[in-house]
């Protein structure tokens, strides 16, 4: 009865595996129908960058605000323009020297009063820069907290996998001892079955922990960008 139940469970797992491969084929856009054993993915934890994307964005946004302010301030600088024109009004070639004109001049523009617009725009630019600075500070703290939390989870999950490996190694030795004692009648088959179930459960826990570790490392690598 126990063996048949386990065979049924294995068959259900095969169905789930087949469905998973079908989804993988659809995502990859391939027509492969064979089921193969996938090797464990190599997910390596990357080193943090010297500068994050949000810092570059802050620098660009700040430079944009400052450049707009400088362009706006140019309107309040004194400006001097030179202009000139020429003209000709004659109906025949003989009268050209008497109908040719030339004029030139200078235009000086000195802003006197703008109703306080320059001061208002400068305050707006300073407020925008302060908002960006506050945003950068909050983002920095959030990123540091998230990275610290992820690193702690990675360390704890790695320690869990190490403990499970040690426990599985001990259980393998214990299973061999129990198996020998079952043959001599010192231990019941039920005890051997229970030991096998404990070993299988710990092995599943190890697989789940390895999966969680890869996901945490992937999330950690993404945060560092």
N, C-alpha and C. Protein backbone atom coordinates (compact mmCIF):
# COMPACT_ATOMS: atom_id res chain seq x y z
N UNK A 1 0.83 -1.21 0.00
CA UNK A 1 0.00 0.00 0.00
C UNK A 1 0.87 1.25 0.00
N UNK A 2 1.89 1.25 0.83
CA UNK A 2 2.78 2.41 0.91
C UNK A 2 3.52 2.63 -0.40
N UNK A 3 4.00 1.53 -0.99
CA UNK A 3 4.73 1.65 -2.26
C UNK A 3 3.82 2.18 -3.36
N UNK A 4 2.60 1.68 -3.42
CA UNK A 4 1.66 2.15 -4.44
C UNK A 4 1.33 3.62 -4.25
N UNK A 5 1.21 4.05 -3.00
CA UNK A 5 0.94 5.46 -2.73
C UNK A 5 2.10 6.33 -3.21
N UNK A 6 3.32 5.86 -2.96
CA UNK A 6 4.49 6.62 -3.40
C UNK A 6 4.59 6.63 -4.92
N UNK A 7 4.22 5.52 -5.56
CA UNK A 7 4.22 5.48 -7.02
C UNK A 7 3.21 6.47 -7.59
N UNK A 8 2.08 6.58 -6.94
CA UNK A 8 1.08 7.56 -7.36
C UNK A 8 1.61 8.98 -7.20
N UNK A 9 2.29 9.24 -6.08
CA UNK A 9 2.87 10.57 -5.85
C UNK A 9 3.91 10.90 -6.92
N UNK A 10 4.73 9.90 -7.26
CA UNK A 10 5.75 10.11 -8.29
C UNK A 10 5.09 10.43 -9.63
N UNK A 11 4.00 9.73 -9.94
CA UNK A 11 3.30 9.98 -11.20
C UNK A 11 2.74 11.40 -11.24
N UNK A 12 2.22 11.88 -10.12
CA UNK A 12 1.71 13.24 -10.06
C UNK A 12 2.84 14.26 -10.25
N UNK A 13 3.99 13.95 -9.69
CA UNK A 13 5.14 14.83 -9.87
C UNK A 13 5.59 14.85 -11.33
N UNK A 14 5.50 13.70 -12.00
CA UNK A 14 5.86 13.66 -13.42
C UNK A 14 4.91 14.50 -14.25
N UNK A 15 3.65 14.48 -13.90
CA UNK A 15 2.67 15.31 -14.61
C UNK A 15 2.99 16.80 -14.40
N UNK A 16 3.29 17.16 -13.17
CA UNK A 16 3.64 18.55 -12.88
C UNK A 16 4.91 18.95 -13.61
N UNK A 17 5.89 18.03 -13.65
CA UNK A 17 7.14 18.30 -14.36
C UNK A 17 6.89 18.50 -15.85
N UNK A 18 6.03 17.67 -16.43
CA UNK A 18 5.72 17.79 -17.85
C UNK A 18 5.04 19.13 -18.14
N UNK A 19 4.13 19.56 -17.26
CA UNK A 19 3.47 20.85 -17.44
C UNK A 19 4.46 22.00 -17.32
N UNK A 20 5.40 21.85 -16.39
CA UNK A 20 6.41 22.90 -16.21
C UNK A 20 7.30 23.03 -17.44
N UNK A 21 7.69 21.88 -18.03
CA UNK A 21 8.50 21.91 -19.24
C UNK A 21 7.71 22.50 -20.40
N UNK A 22 6.44 22.24 -20.45
CA UNK A 22 5.60 22.81 -21.51
C UNK A 22 5.56 24.33 -21.40
N UNK A 23 5.43 24.84 -20.17
CA UNK A 23 5.45 26.28 -19.97
C UNK A 23 6.81 26.87 -20.34
N UNK A 24 7.87 26.16 -19.97
CA UNK A 24 9.22 26.62 -20.31
C UNK A 24 9.42 26.67 -21.81
N UNK A 25 8.94 25.66 -22.54
CA UNK A 25 9.06 25.65 -23.99
C UNK A 25 8.30 26.81 -24.62
N UNK A 26 7.11 27.10 -24.08
CA UNK A 26 6.33 28.22 -24.62
C UNK A 26 7.03 29.55 -24.39
N UNK A 27 7.62 29.72 -23.21
CA UNK A 27 8.33 30.96 -22.92
C UNK A 27 9.56 31.10 -23.80
N UNK A 28 10.28 29.97 -24.00
CA UNK A 28 11.50 29.98 -24.81
C UNK A 28 11.20 29.96 -26.31
N UNK A 29 9.94 29.65 -26.67
CA UNK A 29 9.58 29.60 -28.08
C UNK A 29 10.19 28.44 -28.83
N UNK A 30 10.26 27.26 -28.18
CA UNK A 30 10.83 26.08 -28.82
C UNK A 30 9.79 24.96 -28.80
N UNK A 31 10.03 23.96 -29.64
CA UNK A 31 9.08 22.85 -29.77
C UNK A 31 9.64 21.57 -29.20
N UNK A 32 10.59 21.68 -28.31
CA UNK A 32 11.20 20.49 -27.72
C UNK A 32 10.19 19.79 -26.81
N UNK A 33 10.05 18.49 -26.98
CA UNK A 33 9.08 17.74 -26.18
C UNK A 33 9.75 16.75 -25.23
N UNK A 34 11.08 16.66 -25.29
CA UNK A 34 11.77 15.71 -24.42
C UNK A 34 11.97 16.32 -23.04
N UNK A 35 11.99 15.46 -22.03
CA UNK A 35 12.22 15.89 -20.66
C UNK A 35 13.62 15.48 -20.25
N UNK A 36 14.40 16.47 -19.88
CA UNK A 36 15.79 16.21 -19.48
C UNK A 36 16.00 16.79 -18.09
N UNK A 37 17.05 16.33 -17.47
CA UNK A 37 17.38 16.83 -16.13
C UNK A 37 18.22 18.10 -16.27
N UNK A 38 17.71 19.18 -15.75
CA UNK A 38 18.41 20.46 -15.84
C UNK A 38 19.50 20.52 -14.79
N UNK A 39 20.62 21.07 -15.17
CA UNK A 39 21.71 21.27 -14.21
C UNK A 39 21.38 22.47 -13.32
N UNK A 40 21.96 22.50 -12.16
CA UNK A 40 21.70 23.58 -11.21
C UNK A 40 22.24 24.89 -11.77
N UNK A 41 21.44 25.96 -11.76
CA UNK A 41 21.93 27.24 -12.27
C UNK A 41 23.00 27.83 -11.37
N UNK A 42 23.99 28.47 -11.99
CA UNK A 42 25.07 29.10 -11.24
C UNK A 42 24.73 30.58 -11.04
N UNK A 43 24.17 30.87 -9.89
CA UNK A 43 23.81 32.25 -9.56
C UNK A 43 24.87 32.78 -8.60
N UNK A 44 25.67 33.73 -9.07
CA UNK A 44 26.79 34.27 -8.29
C UNK A 44 26.43 35.66 -7.78
N UNK A 45 26.72 35.90 -6.53
CA UNK A 45 26.43 37.21 -5.95
C UNK A 45 27.44 38.23 -6.47
N UNK A 46 26.93 39.30 -7.04
CA UNK A 46 27.80 40.33 -7.62
C UNK A 46 28.27 41.31 -6.55
N UNK A 47 29.35 42.01 -6.87
CA UNK A 47 29.86 43.03 -5.97
C UNK A 47 29.10 44.34 -6.19
N UNK A 48 28.91 45.16 -5.15
CA UNK A 48 28.16 46.41 -5.32
C UNK A 48 28.90 47.39 -6.22
N UNK A 49 28.14 48.19 -6.94
CA UNK A 49 28.72 49.19 -7.81
C UNK A 49 29.21 50.39 -7.00
N UNK A 50 30.14 51.15 -7.60
CA UNK A 50 30.61 52.36 -6.95
C UNK A 50 29.55 53.45 -6.96
N UNK A 51 28.69 53.42 -7.97
CA UNK A 51 27.64 54.43 -8.08
C UNK A 51 26.38 53.76 -8.60
N UNK A 52 25.24 54.08 -7.97
CA UNK A 52 23.97 53.48 -8.33
C UNK A 52 23.25 54.35 -9.35
N UNK A 53 22.25 53.77 -9.99
CA UNK A 53 21.51 54.49 -11.02
C UNK A 53 20.82 55.73 -10.45
N UNK A 54 20.26 55.62 -9.25
CA UNK A 54 19.53 56.75 -8.70
C UNK A 54 20.47 57.92 -8.42
N UNK A 55 21.75 57.63 -8.12
CA UNK A 55 22.71 58.70 -7.89
C UNK A 55 23.03 59.42 -9.20
N UNK A 56 23.16 58.67 -10.27
CA UNK A 56 23.39 59.29 -11.57
C UNK A 56 22.18 60.12 -11.99
N UNK A 57 20.98 59.60 -11.71
CA UNK A 57 19.78 60.35 -12.04
C UNK A 57 19.70 61.64 -11.23
N UNK A 58 20.08 61.58 -9.96
CA UNK A 58 20.09 62.78 -9.13
C UNK A 58 21.04 63.81 -9.68
N UNK A 59 22.24 63.37 -10.09
CA UNK A 59 23.22 64.30 -10.64
C UNK A 59 22.71 64.95 -11.93
N UNK A 60 22.07 64.16 -12.80
CA UNK A 60 21.55 64.70 -14.06
C UNK A 60 20.40 65.67 -13.81
N UNK A 61 19.47 65.32 -12.91
CA UNK A 61 18.35 66.20 -12.60
C UNK A 61 18.82 67.51 -11.97
N UNK A 62 19.80 67.42 -11.08
CA UNK A 62 20.34 68.62 -10.45
C UNK A 62 21.01 69.52 -11.48
N UNK A 63 21.80 68.91 -12.36
CA UNK A 63 22.46 69.70 -13.41
C UNK A 63 21.45 70.35 -14.33
N UNK A 64 20.35 69.66 -14.61
CA UNK A 64 19.32 70.21 -15.48
C UNK A 64 18.66 71.43 -14.83
N UNK A 65 18.36 71.34 -13.53
CA UNK A 65 17.75 72.48 -12.84
C UNK A 65 18.70 73.67 -12.81
N UNK A 66 19.96 73.43 -12.54
CA UNK A 66 20.94 74.52 -12.48
C UNK A 66 21.15 75.16 -13.85
N UNK A 67 21.17 74.34 -14.89
CA UNK A 67 21.34 74.90 -16.24
C UNK A 67 20.13 75.74 -16.64
N UNK A 68 18.93 75.29 -16.29
CA UNK A 68 17.73 76.08 -16.58
C UNK A 68 17.76 77.41 -15.84
N UNK A 69 18.25 77.39 -14.61
CA UNK A 69 18.36 78.63 -13.84
C UNK A 69 19.36 79.58 -14.48
N UNK A 70 20.49 79.05 -14.95
CA UNK A 70 21.49 79.90 -15.60
C UNK A 70 20.94 80.52 -16.89
N UNK A 71 20.20 79.72 -17.66
CA UNK A 71 19.59 80.24 -18.89
C UNK A 71 18.59 81.34 -18.55
N UNK A 72 17.80 81.12 -17.50
CA UNK A 72 16.81 82.13 -17.10
C UNK A 72 17.49 83.42 -16.66
N UNK A 73 18.63 83.31 -15.96
CA UNK A 73 19.33 84.49 -15.46
C UNK A 73 19.93 85.33 -16.58
N UNK A 74 20.19 84.73 -17.72
CA UNK A 74 20.77 85.50 -18.83
C UNK A 74 19.81 86.59 -19.32
N UNK A 75 18.52 86.46 -19.05
CA UNK A 75 17.57 87.48 -19.49
C UNK A 75 17.76 88.78 -18.73
N UNK A 76 18.40 88.72 -17.56
CA UNK A 76 18.55 89.91 -16.72
C UNK A 76 19.94 90.54 -16.85
N UNK A 77 20.71 90.09 -17.78
CA UNK A 77 22.00 90.70 -18.03
C UNK A 77 21.87 91.81 -19.07
N UNK A 78 22.61 92.90 -18.92
CA UNK A 78 22.58 93.96 -19.96
C UNK A 78 23.04 93.39 -21.30
N UNK A 79 22.38 93.79 -22.35
CA UNK A 79 22.71 93.28 -23.68
C UNK A 79 22.84 94.45 -24.65
N UNK A 80 23.76 94.32 -25.55
CA UNK A 80 24.03 95.34 -26.56
C UNK A 80 23.98 94.69 -27.93
N UNK A 81 23.14 95.22 -28.81
CA UNK A 81 22.96 94.69 -30.16
C UNK A 81 23.35 95.75 -31.18
N UNK A 82 24.07 95.34 -32.18
CA UNK A 82 24.42 96.22 -33.31
C UNK A 82 23.61 95.80 -34.53
N UNK A 83 23.11 96.79 -35.27
CA UNK A 83 22.32 96.47 -36.45
C UNK A 83 22.71 97.42 -37.57
N UNK A 84 22.44 97.04 -38.79
CA UNK A 84 22.73 97.86 -39.96
C UNK A 84 21.90 97.40 -41.14
N UNK A 85 21.66 98.31 -42.08
CA UNK A 85 20.90 97.95 -43.28
C UNK A 85 21.30 98.89 -44.41
N UNK A 86 21.06 98.45 -45.59
CA UNK A 86 21.32 99.25 -46.79
C UNK A 86 20.09 99.22 -47.67
N UNK A 87 20.00 100.21 -48.58
CA UNK A 87 18.86 100.26 -49.47
C UNK A 87 19.19 100.92 -50.79
N UNK A 88 18.44 100.57 -51.80
CA UNK A 88 18.63 101.13 -53.15
C UNK A 88 17.26 101.41 -53.75
N UNK A 89 17.09 102.68 -54.25
CA UNK A 89 15.83 103.08 -54.87
C UNK A 89 16.15 103.83 -56.14
N UNK A 90 16.19 103.15 -57.24
CA UNK A 90 16.54 103.79 -58.52
C UNK A 90 15.88 103.02 -59.65
N UNK A 91 15.48 103.76 -60.67
CA UNK A 91 14.85 103.14 -61.83
C UNK A 91 15.80 102.99 -63.00
N UNK A 92 16.96 103.64 -62.91
CA UNK A 92 17.95 103.53 -63.98
C UNK A 92 19.34 103.46 -63.38
N UNK A 93 20.27 102.96 -64.15
CA UNK A 93 21.62 102.78 -63.65
C UNK A 93 22.31 104.10 -63.36
N UNK A 94 21.94 105.17 -64.06
CA UNK A 94 22.62 106.46 -63.88
C UNK A 94 22.29 107.11 -62.56
N UNK A 95 21.17 106.77 -61.96
CA UNK A 95 20.76 107.40 -60.70
C UNK A 95 21.11 106.56 -59.47
N UNK A 96 21.79 105.44 -59.68
CA UNK A 96 22.12 104.57 -58.54
C UNK A 96 22.95 105.28 -57.49
N UNK A 97 24.01 106.02 -57.85
CA UNK A 97 24.82 106.67 -56.81
C UNK A 97 24.05 107.67 -55.96
N UNK A 98 22.95 108.21 -56.49
CA UNK A 98 22.18 109.19 -55.73
C UNK A 98 21.04 108.57 -54.94
N UNK A 99 20.79 107.29 -55.10
CA UNK A 99 19.66 106.64 -54.42
C UNK A 99 20.11 105.43 -53.58
N UNK A 100 21.35 105.39 -53.19
CA UNK A 100 21.89 104.31 -52.38
C UNK A 100 22.03 104.80 -50.95
N UNK A 101 21.48 104.02 -49.99
CA UNK A 101 21.50 104.45 -48.60
C UNK A 101 22.08 103.39 -47.68
N UNK A 102 22.62 103.82 -46.55
CA UNK A 102 23.23 102.93 -45.56
C UNK A 102 22.96 103.48 -44.18
N UNK A 103 22.54 102.60 -43.28
CA UNK A 103 22.28 103.04 -41.91
C UNK A 103 22.78 101.96 -40.94
N UNK A 104 23.16 102.39 -39.75
CA UNK A 104 23.67 101.48 -38.72
C UNK A 104 23.33 102.07 -37.36
N UNK A 105 23.31 101.17 -36.34
CA UNK A 105 22.99 101.66 -35.01
C UNK A 105 23.28 100.61 -33.95
N UNK A 106 23.11 101.03 -32.70
CA UNK A 106 23.32 100.16 -31.54
C UNK A 106 22.07 100.17 -30.68
N UNK A 107 21.75 98.97 -30.11
CA UNK A 107 20.59 98.86 -29.22
C UNK A 107 21.05 98.31 -27.87
N UNK A 108 20.88 99.07 -26.83
CA UNK A 108 21.29 98.69 -25.48
C UNK A 108 20.05 98.36 -24.65
N UNK A 109 20.08 97.14 -24.05
CA UNK A 109 18.94 96.69 -23.23
C UNK A 109 19.44 96.47 -21.81
N UNK A 110 18.90 97.22 -20.84
CA UNK A 110 19.29 97.09 -19.43
C UNK A 110 18.02 96.81 -18.62
N UNK A 111 17.84 95.55 -18.13
CA UNK A 111 16.66 95.25 -17.29
C UNK A 111 16.72 96.05 -15.99
N UNK A 112 15.60 96.64 -15.62
CA UNK A 112 15.53 97.45 -14.40
C UNK A 112 14.68 96.77 -13.33
N UNK A 113 13.49 96.34 -13.67
CA UNK A 113 12.60 95.75 -12.67
C UNK A 113 11.76 94.67 -13.35
N UNK A 114 11.67 93.51 -12.70
CA UNK A 114 10.92 92.39 -13.27
C UNK A 114 9.78 91.91 -12.38
N UNK A 115 9.46 92.68 -11.36
CA UNK A 115 8.38 92.29 -10.46
C UNK A 115 8.74 91.15 -9.52
N UNK A 116 10.04 90.93 -9.31
CA UNK A 116 10.48 89.87 -8.39
C UNK A 116 10.50 88.48 -9.00
N UNK A 117 10.40 88.38 -10.34
CA UNK A 117 10.35 87.06 -10.98
C UNK A 117 11.67 86.31 -10.84
N UNK A 118 12.77 87.03 -10.93
CA UNK A 118 14.07 86.37 -10.82
C UNK A 118 14.24 85.73 -9.45
N UNK A 119 13.86 86.45 -8.40
CA UNK A 119 13.98 85.91 -7.05
C UNK A 119 13.05 84.71 -6.85
N UNK A 120 11.84 84.77 -7.41
CA UNK A 120 10.88 83.67 -7.27
C UNK A 120 11.40 82.41 -7.97
N UNK A 121 11.93 82.59 -9.19
CA UNK A 121 12.43 81.44 -9.94
C UNK A 121 13.64 80.83 -9.23
N UNK A 122 14.50 81.66 -8.65
CA UNK A 122 15.65 81.15 -7.91
C UNK A 122 15.21 80.32 -6.71
N UNK A 123 14.18 80.79 -6.00
CA UNK A 123 13.66 80.03 -4.86
C UNK A 123 13.07 78.69 -5.31
N UNK A 124 12.37 78.73 -6.43
CA UNK A 124 11.81 77.48 -6.95
C UNK A 124 12.92 76.48 -7.29
N UNK A 125 13.99 76.97 -7.89
CA UNK A 125 15.11 76.09 -8.24
C UNK A 125 15.76 75.52 -6.99
N UNK A 126 15.92 76.36 -5.95
CA UNK A 126 16.51 75.88 -4.70
C UNK A 126 15.62 74.83 -4.04
N UNK A 127 14.30 75.04 -4.09
CA UNK A 127 13.38 74.05 -3.52
C UNK A 127 13.44 72.73 -4.28
N UNK A 128 13.54 72.81 -5.60
CA UNK A 128 13.63 71.58 -6.40
C UNK A 128 14.92 70.83 -6.09
N UNK A 129 16.03 71.57 -5.93
CA UNK A 129 17.29 70.92 -5.58
C UNK A 129 17.22 70.28 -4.19
N UNK A 130 16.55 70.97 -3.25
CA UNK A 130 16.41 70.42 -1.90
C UNK A 130 15.54 69.17 -1.91
N UNK A 131 14.48 69.18 -2.71
CA UNK A 131 13.63 67.98 -2.82
C UNK A 131 14.42 66.81 -3.39
N UNK A 132 15.24 67.09 -4.39
CA UNK A 132 16.07 66.02 -4.97
C UNK A 132 17.06 65.49 -3.94
N UNK A 133 17.62 66.40 -3.15
CA UNK A 133 18.59 65.97 -2.13
C UNK A 133 17.91 65.10 -1.09
N UNK A 134 16.70 65.49 -0.66
CA UNK A 134 15.96 64.69 0.30
C UNK A 134 15.58 63.33 -0.29
N UNK A 135 15.18 63.34 -1.55
CA UNK A 135 14.82 62.08 -2.22
C UNK A 135 16.04 61.15 -2.29
N UNK A 136 17.20 61.72 -2.61
CA UNK A 136 18.41 60.91 -2.68
C UNK A 136 18.75 60.32 -1.31
N UNK A 137 18.58 61.11 -0.26
CA UNK A 137 18.88 60.61 1.08
C UNK A 137 17.96 59.46 1.48
N UNK A 138 16.65 59.62 1.22
CA UNK A 138 15.69 58.57 1.56
C UNK A 138 15.96 57.31 0.74
N UNK A 139 16.23 57.49 -0.55
CA UNK A 139 16.51 56.35 -1.42
C UNK A 139 17.76 55.61 -0.98
N UNK A 140 18.77 56.37 -0.54
CA UNK A 140 20.02 55.74 -0.08
C UNK A 140 19.77 54.88 1.15
N UNK A 141 18.99 55.40 2.10
CA UNK A 141 18.69 54.65 3.32
C UNK A 141 17.88 53.40 3.00
N UNK A 142 16.88 53.54 2.13
CA UNK A 142 16.05 52.39 1.76
C UNK A 142 16.89 51.32 1.07
N UNK A 143 17.77 51.73 0.17
CA UNK A 143 18.60 50.77 -0.54
C UNK A 143 19.55 50.06 0.42
N UNK A 144 20.15 50.81 1.33
CA UNK A 144 21.06 50.20 2.29
C UNK A 144 20.32 49.22 3.20
N UNK A 145 19.10 49.59 3.64
CA UNK A 145 18.31 48.68 4.48
C UNK A 145 17.95 47.40 3.73
N UNK A 146 17.52 47.56 2.47
CA UNK A 146 17.14 46.39 1.68
C UNK A 146 18.33 45.47 1.43
N UNK A 147 19.47 46.06 1.10
CA UNK A 147 20.66 45.25 0.84
C UNK A 147 21.12 44.54 2.11
N UNK A 148 21.05 45.25 3.24
CA UNK A 148 21.45 44.63 4.51
C UNK A 148 20.51 43.48 4.86
N UNK A 149 19.20 43.68 4.64
CA UNK A 149 18.23 42.62 4.93
C UNK A 149 18.44 41.42 4.02
N UNK A 150 18.67 41.68 2.73
CA UNK A 150 18.90 40.58 1.79
C UNK A 150 20.18 39.82 2.13
N UNK A 151 21.22 40.55 2.50
CA UNK A 151 22.48 39.89 2.84
C UNK A 151 22.31 39.01 4.08
N UNK A 152 21.52 39.49 5.04
CA UNK A 152 21.27 38.69 6.25
C UNK A 152 20.50 37.43 5.90
N UNK A 153 19.49 37.56 5.02
CA UNK A 153 18.73 36.38 4.60
C UNK A 153 19.61 35.40 3.83
N UNK A 154 20.52 35.93 2.99
CA UNK A 154 21.43 35.06 2.24
C UNK A 154 22.33 34.28 3.20
N UNK A 155 22.86 34.99 4.20
CA UNK A 155 23.74 34.33 5.17
C UNK A 155 22.99 33.25 5.95
N UNK A 156 21.77 33.58 6.41
CA UNK A 156 20.99 32.61 7.18
C UNK A 156 20.59 31.41 6.33
N UNK A 157 20.22 31.66 5.08
CA UNK A 157 19.84 30.55 4.19
C UNK A 157 21.05 29.67 3.88
N UNK A 158 22.21 30.29 3.70
CA UNK A 158 23.43 29.51 3.47
C UNK A 158 23.75 28.64 4.67
N UNK A 159 23.60 29.18 5.87
CA UNK A 159 23.82 28.40 7.08
C UNK A 159 22.82 27.26 7.20
N UNK A 160 21.58 27.53 6.80
CA UNK A 160 20.55 26.48 6.83
C UNK A 160 20.92 25.33 5.91
N UNK A 161 21.41 25.64 4.71
CA UNK A 161 21.80 24.60 3.76
C UNK A 161 22.96 23.79 4.32
N UNK A 162 23.91 24.46 4.98
CA UNK A 162 25.04 23.75 5.58
C UNK A 162 24.56 22.79 6.66
N UNK A 163 23.62 23.24 7.51
CA UNK A 163 23.08 22.38 8.56
C UNK A 163 22.31 21.20 7.97
N UNK A 164 21.55 21.45 6.91
CA UNK A 164 20.78 20.38 6.28
C UNK A 164 21.72 19.35 5.65
N UNK A 165 22.81 19.81 5.05
CA UNK A 165 23.77 18.87 4.47
C UNK A 165 24.37 17.97 5.54
N UNK A 166 24.70 18.57 6.68
CA UNK A 166 25.25 17.77 7.78
C UNK A 166 24.21 16.79 8.30
N UNK A 167 22.96 17.26 8.40
CA UNK A 167 21.90 16.38 8.89
C UNK A 167 21.63 15.25 7.91
N UNK A 168 21.62 15.53 6.63
CA UNK A 168 21.40 14.50 5.62
C UNK A 168 22.52 13.47 5.63
N UNK A 169 23.74 13.93 5.82
CA UNK A 169 24.87 12.99 5.89
C UNK A 169 24.72 12.04 7.08
N UNK A 170 24.28 12.60 8.22
CA UNK A 170 24.05 11.76 9.39
C UNK A 170 22.91 10.78 9.16
N UNK A 171 21.85 11.26 8.50
CA UNK A 171 20.69 10.40 8.24
C UNK A 171 21.04 9.27 7.28
N UNK A 172 21.90 9.56 6.30
CA UNK A 172 22.31 8.50 5.39
C UNK A 172 23.03 7.37 6.13
N UNK A 173 23.90 7.75 7.07
CA UNK A 173 24.58 6.74 7.88
C UNK A 173 23.58 5.97 8.74
N UNK A 174 22.63 6.73 9.32
CA UNK A 174 21.62 6.11 10.16
C UNK A 174 20.73 5.15 9.37
N UNK A 175 20.39 5.53 8.14
CA UNK A 175 19.55 4.67 7.31
C UNK A 175 20.25 3.35 7.01
N UNK A 176 21.54 3.41 6.78
CA UNK A 176 22.26 2.17 6.49
C UNK A 176 22.28 1.27 7.72
N UNK A 177 22.43 1.88 8.91
CA UNK A 177 22.43 1.08 10.14
C UNK A 177 21.06 0.46 10.37
N UNK A 178 20.00 1.27 10.17
CA UNK A 178 18.64 0.75 10.36
C UNK A 178 18.34 -0.35 9.35
N UNK A 179 18.80 -0.16 8.11
CA UNK A 179 18.56 -1.16 7.07
C UNK A 179 19.20 -2.50 7.45
N UNK A 180 20.41 -2.46 8.00
CA UNK A 180 21.08 -3.70 8.42
C UNK A 180 20.33 -4.36 9.58
N UNK A 181 19.77 -3.53 10.46
CA UNK A 181 19.05 -4.08 11.61
C UNK A 181 17.68 -4.62 11.20
N UNK A 182 17.10 -4.07 10.13
CA UNK A 182 15.83 -4.61 9.63
C UNK A 182 16.03 -6.04 9.15
N UNK A 183 17.16 -6.29 8.49
CA UNK A 183 17.45 -7.63 7.97
C UNK A 183 17.55 -8.64 9.10
N UNK A 184 18.14 -8.21 10.23
CA UNK A 184 18.31 -9.14 11.37
C UNK A 184 17.10 -9.13 12.30
N UNK A 185 16.09 -8.29 11.98
CA UNK A 185 14.89 -8.26 12.80
C UNK A 185 14.99 -7.41 14.04
N UNK A 186 16.05 -6.62 14.19
CA UNK A 186 16.19 -5.78 15.38
C UNK A 186 15.36 -4.49 15.28
N UNK A 187 15.05 -4.08 14.06
CA UNK A 187 14.26 -2.86 13.82
C UNK A 187 13.14 -3.21 12.87
N UNK A 188 11.98 -2.62 13.09
CA UNK A 188 10.82 -2.91 12.24
C UNK A 188 10.91 -2.14 10.91
N UNK A 189 10.19 -2.65 9.95
CA UNK A 189 10.14 -1.99 8.64
C UNK A 189 9.51 -0.60 8.77
N UNK A 190 8.56 -0.47 9.69
CA UNK A 190 7.90 0.83 9.90
C UNK A 190 8.92 1.88 10.35
N UNK A 191 9.83 1.49 11.23
CA UNK A 191 10.87 2.43 11.67
C UNK A 191 11.76 2.84 10.50
N UNK A 192 12.07 1.88 9.66
CA UNK A 192 12.89 2.18 8.48
C UNK A 192 12.16 3.13 7.53
N UNK A 193 10.85 2.89 7.38
CA UNK A 193 10.03 3.75 6.52
C UNK A 193 9.98 5.17 7.08
N UNK A 194 9.81 5.30 8.37
CA UNK A 194 9.76 6.62 8.99
C UNK A 194 11.09 7.36 8.83
N UNK A 195 12.18 6.61 8.95
CA UNK A 195 13.50 7.22 8.76
C UNK A 195 13.68 7.70 7.33
N UNK A 196 13.18 6.91 6.38
CA UNK A 196 13.24 7.32 4.98
C UNK A 196 12.43 8.58 4.73
N UNK A 197 11.25 8.65 5.34
CA UNK A 197 10.40 9.84 5.18
C UNK A 197 11.07 11.08 5.75
N UNK A 198 11.71 10.93 6.90
CA UNK A 198 12.43 12.07 7.49
C UNK A 198 13.57 12.52 6.58
N UNK A 199 14.26 11.55 6.01
CA UNK A 199 15.37 11.88 5.10
C UNK A 199 14.84 12.60 3.86
N UNK A 200 13.74 12.11 3.31
CA UNK A 200 13.16 12.73 2.12
C UNK A 200 12.67 14.14 2.43
N UNK A 201 12.09 14.35 3.61
CA UNK A 201 11.60 15.67 3.98
C UNK A 201 12.76 16.67 4.11
N UNK A 202 13.84 16.24 4.75
CA UNK A 202 14.99 17.12 4.87
C UNK A 202 15.63 17.42 3.51
N UNK A 203 15.61 16.43 2.64
CA UNK A 203 16.15 16.65 1.30
C UNK A 203 15.30 17.67 0.54
N UNK A 204 13.98 17.60 0.70
CA UNK A 204 13.10 18.59 0.09
C UNK A 204 13.33 19.98 0.68
N UNK A 205 13.54 20.02 1.97
CA UNK A 205 13.84 21.31 2.62
C UNK A 205 15.14 21.91 2.08
N UNK A 206 16.11 21.06 1.82
CA UNK A 206 17.38 21.53 1.27
C UNK A 206 17.17 22.10 -0.13
N UNK A 207 16.40 21.39 -0.94
CA UNK A 207 16.14 21.86 -2.30
C UNK A 207 15.41 23.21 -2.27
N UNK A 208 14.43 23.33 -1.38
CA UNK A 208 13.70 24.59 -1.25
C UNK A 208 14.62 25.71 -0.78
N UNK A 209 15.52 25.39 0.15
CA UNK A 209 16.46 26.40 0.65
C UNK A 209 17.42 26.84 -0.46
N UNK A 210 17.87 25.91 -1.29
CA UNK A 210 18.74 26.27 -2.41
C UNK A 210 18.00 27.16 -3.40
N UNK A 211 16.74 26.87 -3.63
CA UNK A 211 15.94 27.70 -4.52
C UNK A 211 15.79 29.10 -3.95
N UNK A 212 15.48 29.18 -2.65
CA UNK A 212 15.33 30.49 -2.01
C UNK A 212 16.64 31.27 -2.05
N UNK A 213 17.77 30.57 -1.88
CA UNK A 213 19.07 31.25 -1.90
C UNK A 213 19.33 31.87 -3.26
N UNK A 214 19.03 31.14 -4.34
CA UNK A 214 19.25 31.68 -5.68
C UNK A 214 18.36 32.89 -5.94
N UNK A 215 17.11 32.82 -5.47
CA UNK A 215 16.20 33.95 -5.64
C UNK A 215 16.68 35.17 -4.85
N UNK A 216 17.19 34.94 -3.64
CA UNK A 216 17.69 36.05 -2.83
C UNK A 216 18.92 36.69 -3.47
N UNK A 217 19.83 35.86 -3.99
CA UNK A 217 21.02 36.40 -4.65
C UNK A 217 20.64 37.19 -5.89
N UNK A 218 19.68 36.67 -6.64
CA UNK A 218 19.21 37.38 -7.84
C UNK A 218 18.60 38.72 -7.46
N UNK A 219 17.78 38.73 -6.41
CA UNK A 219 17.18 39.99 -5.96
C UNK A 219 18.25 40.95 -5.45
N UNK A 220 19.24 40.40 -4.76
CA UNK A 220 20.32 41.23 -4.24
C UNK A 220 21.13 41.86 -5.38
N UNK A 221 21.42 41.07 -6.40
CA UNK A 221 22.15 41.59 -7.56
C UNK A 221 21.37 42.69 -8.28
N UNK A 222 20.04 42.50 -8.35
CA UNK A 222 19.21 43.50 -9.00
C UNK A 222 19.18 44.80 -8.21
N UNK A 223 19.14 44.71 -6.87
CA UNK A 223 19.13 45.90 -6.02
C UNK A 223 20.41 46.71 -6.16
N UNK A 224 21.51 46.03 -6.43
CA UNK A 224 22.78 46.73 -6.51
C UNK A 224 22.90 47.59 -7.78
N UNK A 225 21.98 47.39 -8.70
CA UNK A 225 22.01 48.20 -9.91
C UNK A 225 21.10 49.41 -9.78
